[in-house]
C-alpha atoms as a PDB file:
ATOM      1  CA  MET A   1     123.312 -53.933 109.533  1.00  0.00           C
ATOM      2  CA  THR A   2     122.582 -52.937 105.957  1.00  0.00           C
ATOM      3  CA  GLU A   3     121.704 -49.480 104.708  1.00  0.00           C
ATOM      4  CA  ASN A   4     119.380 -50.857 102.029  1.00  0.00           C
ATOM      5  CA  GLN A   5     115.717 -50.267 102.741  1.00  0.00           C
ATOM      6  CA  TYR A   6     114.562 -53.028 100.409  1.00  0.00           C
ATOM      7  CA  ALA A   7     115.653 -56.305  98.871  1.00  0.00           C
ATOM      8  CA  ASP A   8     116.390 -56.307  95.159  1.00  0.00           C
ATOM      9  CA  PRO A   9     114.753 -59.420  93.618  1.00  0.00           C
ATOM     10  CA  THR A  10     116.398 -59.002  90.197  1.00  0.00           C
ATOM     11  CA  GLY A  11     118.922 -61.825  90.628  1.00  0.00           C
ATOM     12  CA  PHE A  12     116.284 -64.229  91.897  1.00  0.00           C
ATOM     13  CA  CYS A  13     113.805 -63.275  89.158  1.00  0.00           C
ATOM     14  CA  ASN A  14     116.412 -63.890  86.454  1.00  0.00           C
ATOM     15  CA  ALA A  15     117.481 -67.229  87.965  1.00  0.00           C
ATOM     16  CA  PHE A  16     114.011 -68.594  88.764  1.00  0.00           C
ATOM     17  CA  LYS A  17     112.324 -69.602  85.525  1.00  0.00           C
ATOM     18  CA  ASP A  18     108.651 -70.255  84.898  1.00  0.00           C
ATOM     19  CA  TRP A  19     107.334 -73.517  83.404  1.00  0.00           C
ATOM     20  CA  ASP A  20     108.288 -72.299  79.907  1.00  0.00           C
ATOM     21  CA  GLY A  21     111.858 -71.398  80.896  1.00  0.00           C
ATOM     22  CA  ASN A  22     111.277 -67.630  81.037  1.00  0.00           C
ATOM     23  CA  PRO A  23     112.634 -65.521  83.911  1.00  0.00           C
ATOM     24  CA  THR A  24     110.094 -64.562  86.564  1.00  0.00           C
ATOM     25  CA  ASN A  25     108.533 -61.218  85.689  1.00  0.00           C
ATOM     26  CA  PRO A  26     107.890 -59.255  88.915  1.00  0.00           C
ATOM     27  CA  MET A  27     105.477 -57.002  87.017  1.00  0.00           C
ATOM     28  CA  ILE A  28     103.041 -59.895  86.455  1.00  0.00           C
ATOM     29  CA  GLN A  29     100.848 -60.653  89.446  1.00  0.00           C
ATOM     30  CA  MET A  30     100.894 -64.271  90.566  1.00  0.00           C
ATOM     31  CA  ASP A  31      98.808 -65.843  93.281  1.00  0.00           C
ATOM     32  CA  VAL A  32     101.007 -66.662  96.287  1.00  0.00           C
ATOM     33  CA  ASP A  33      99.705 -70.241  96.376  1.00  0.00           C
ATOM     34  CA  GLU A  34     100.554 -70.701  92.689  1.00  0.00           C
ATOM     35  CA  PHE A  35     104.067 -69.290  93.165  1.00  0.00           C
ATOM     36  CA  PHE A  36     104.719 -71.287  96.347  1.00  0.00           C
ATOM     37  CA  ASN A  37     103.647 -74.554  94.727  1.00  0.00           C
ATOM     38  CA  MET A  38     105.758 -73.861  91.636  1.00  0.00           C
ATOM     39  CA  PHE A  39     108.746 -72.959  93.841  1.00  0.00           C
ATOM     40  CA  MET A  40     108.432 -76.117  95.956  1.00  0.00           C
ATOM     41  CA  ASP A  41     107.897 -78.296  92.866  1.00  0.00           C
ATOM     42  CA  ARG A  42     111.054 -76.842  91.361  1.00  0.00           C
ATOM     43  CA  ILE A  43     113.091 -77.539  94.498  1.00  0.00           C
ATOM     44  CA  GLU A  44     111.720 -81.081  94.707  1.00  0.00           C
ATOM     45  CA  GLY A  45     112.641 -81.614  91.059  1.00  0.00           C
ATOM     46  CA  LEU A  46     116.201 -80.460  91.677  1.00  0.00           C
ATOM     47  CA  ILE A  47     116.738 -82.710  94.703  1.00  0.00           C
ATOM     48  CA  LYS A  48     114.791 -85.799  93.606  1.00  0.00           C
ATOM     49  CA  GLU A  49     117.951 -87.794  92.806  1.00  0.00           C
ATOM     50  CA  THR A  50     119.763 -86.799  96.022  1.00  0.00           C
ATOM     51  CA  PRO A  51     119.708 -88.113  99.589  1.00  0.00           C
ATOM     52  CA  GLN A  52     117.647 -85.009 100.491  1.00  0.00           C
ATOM     53  CA  LYS A  53     114.797 -85.973  98.115  1.00  0.00           C
ATOM     54  CA  LYS A  54     112.184 -86.066 100.917  1.00  0.00           C
ATOM     55  CA  MET A  55     113.355 -82.878 102.629  1.00  0.00           C
ATOM     56  CA  ILE A  56     110.530 -80.602 101.404  1.00  0.00           C
ATOM     57  CA  GLN A  57     107.769 -82.993 102.509  1.00  0.00           C
ATOM     58  CA  GLN A  58     109.514 -83.709 105.814  1.00  0.00           C
ATOM     59  CA  HIS A  59     109.982 -80.040 106.729  1.00  0.00           C
ATOM     60  CA  PHE A  60     106.995 -78.342 105.130  1.00  0.00           C
ATOM     61  CA  GLY A  61     104.463 -81.070 104.453  1.00  0.00           C
ATOM     62  CA  GLY A  62     101.767 -82.976 106.171  1.00  0.00           C
ATOM     63  CA  GLN A  63      99.003 -85.415 105.368  1.00  0.00           C
ATOM     64  CA  PHE A  64      95.288 -85.006 104.951  1.00  0.00           C
ATOM     65  CA  VAL A  65      93.117 -87.898 106.008  1.00  0.00           C
ATOM     66  CA  THR A  66      89.759 -87.822 104.272  1.00  0.00           C
ATOM     67  CA  GLU A  67      87.169 -89.961 105.995  1.00  0.00           C
ATOM     68  CA  SER A  68      83.928 -91.068 104.400  1.00  0.00           C
ATOM     69  CA  ILE A  69      81.276 -92.531 106.666  1.00  0.00           C
ATOM     70  CA  TYR A  70      78.335 -93.838 104.719  1.00  0.00           C
ATOM     71  CA  LYS A  71      74.827 -93.331 106.037  1.00  0.00           C
ATOM     72  CA  GLY A  72      72.171 -95.972 105.969  1.00  0.00           C
ATOM     73  CA  GLY A  73      73.326 -98.197 108.777  1.00  0.00           C
ATOM     74  CA  CYS A  74      75.722-100.308 106.728  1.00  0.00           C
ATOM     75  CA  GLY A  75      78.714 -99.157 108.781  1.00  0.00           C
ATOM     76  CA  HIS A  76      80.855 -98.724 105.657  1.00  0.00           C
ATOM     77  CA  TYR A  77      83.831 -96.436 106.236  1.00  0.00           C
ATOM     78  CA  THR A  78      86.744 -95.403 103.998  1.00  0.00           C
ATOM     79  CA  GLU A  79      89.843 -93.370 104.630  1.00  0.00           C
ATOM     80  CA  ARG A  80      92.186 -91.750 102.098  1.00  0.00           C
ATOM     81  CA  VAL A  81      95.596 -90.254 102.995  1.00  0.00           C
ATOM     82  CA  GLU A  82      96.972 -87.477 100.783  1.00  0.00           C
ATOM     83  CA  PRO A  83     100.241 -85.572 101.252  1.00  0.00           C
ATOM     84  CA  TYR A  84     100.239 -81.765 101.077  1.00  0.00           C
ATOM     85  CA  ILE A  85     102.671 -78.894 101.340  1.00  0.00           C
ATOM     86  CA  ALA A  86     100.199 -76.007 101.446  1.00  0.00           C
ATOM     87  CA  ILE A  87      96.521 -75.653 102.177  1.00  0.00           C
ATOM     88  CA  SER A  88      94.185 -72.943 100.937  1.00  0.00           C
ATOM     89  CA  LEU A  89      92.152 -71.294 103.647  1.00  0.00           C
ATOM     90  CA  GLN A  90      89.203 -68.992 103.307  1.00  0.00           C
ATOM     91  CA  VAL A  91      90.113 -65.641 104.855  1.00  0.00           C
ATOM     92  CA  LEU A  92      87.134 -63.555 103.793  1.00  0.00           C
ATOM     93  CA  ASN A  93      85.056 -62.677 106.873  1.00  0.00           C
ATOM     94  CA  LYS A  94      87.456 -64.566 109.152  1.00  0.00           C
ATOM     95  CA  THR A  95      89.054 -62.557 111.953  1.00  0.00           C
ATOM     96  CA  TYR A  96      91.536 -65.231 113.051  1.00  0.00           C
ATOM     97  CA  ILE A  97      93.406 -68.004 111.286  1.00  0.00           C
ATOM     98  CA  LEU A  98      91.925 -70.510 113.745  1.00  0.00           C
ATOM     99  CA  LYS A  99      88.461 -69.666 112.403  1.00  0.00           C
ATOM    100  CA  SER A 100      89.742 -70.359 108.886  1.00  0.00           C
ATOM    101  CA  LEU A 101      91.204 -73.685 110.032  1.00  0.00           C
ATOM    102  CA  ASP A 102      87.937 -74.609 111.764  1.00  0.00           C
ATOM    103  CA  ALA A 103      86.026 -73.894 108.555  1.00  0.00           C
ATOM    104  CA  PHE A 104      88.552 -75.971 106.590  1.00  0.00           C
ATOM    105  CA  VAL A 105      88.083 -79.114 108.690  1.00  0.00           C
ATOM    106  CA  THR A 106      84.334 -78.864 109.157  1.00  0.00           C
ATOM    107  CA  GLY A 107      82.618 -81.859 107.625  1.00  0.00           C
END
C-alpha cells in the first residue's frame, strides 16, 4: 500500500504530447471525449505497423449500424456500418445512463 494520497501526472503530461508536439498542460481544461479520442488515436498510430494494430478497436470499439427506411411505400432501405471507440451521450436531465442510451438510439 502506498502512502501517497494522489497520483502525480507530471511524467505522463511531459511524455504525452498534443498534436503540435507540446507536452500536455494539466492547467488547460480539455473535454474528456477530446482527450480520450486523442489518446486512442495516438496509441493506434504507435501500433499500426505491429501485430497488435487492431487491439484498440477489438477491446474498446464497436460498430454503429445506421438504418434508413424511406417512406412512401417504395420499400427502399439502406444500412451503413461505422466503427466507433466512444459515443457521446446526453447526461443533462438524465438520472441513469440507460436513459441516456435510450435517447441515443431513439430514431
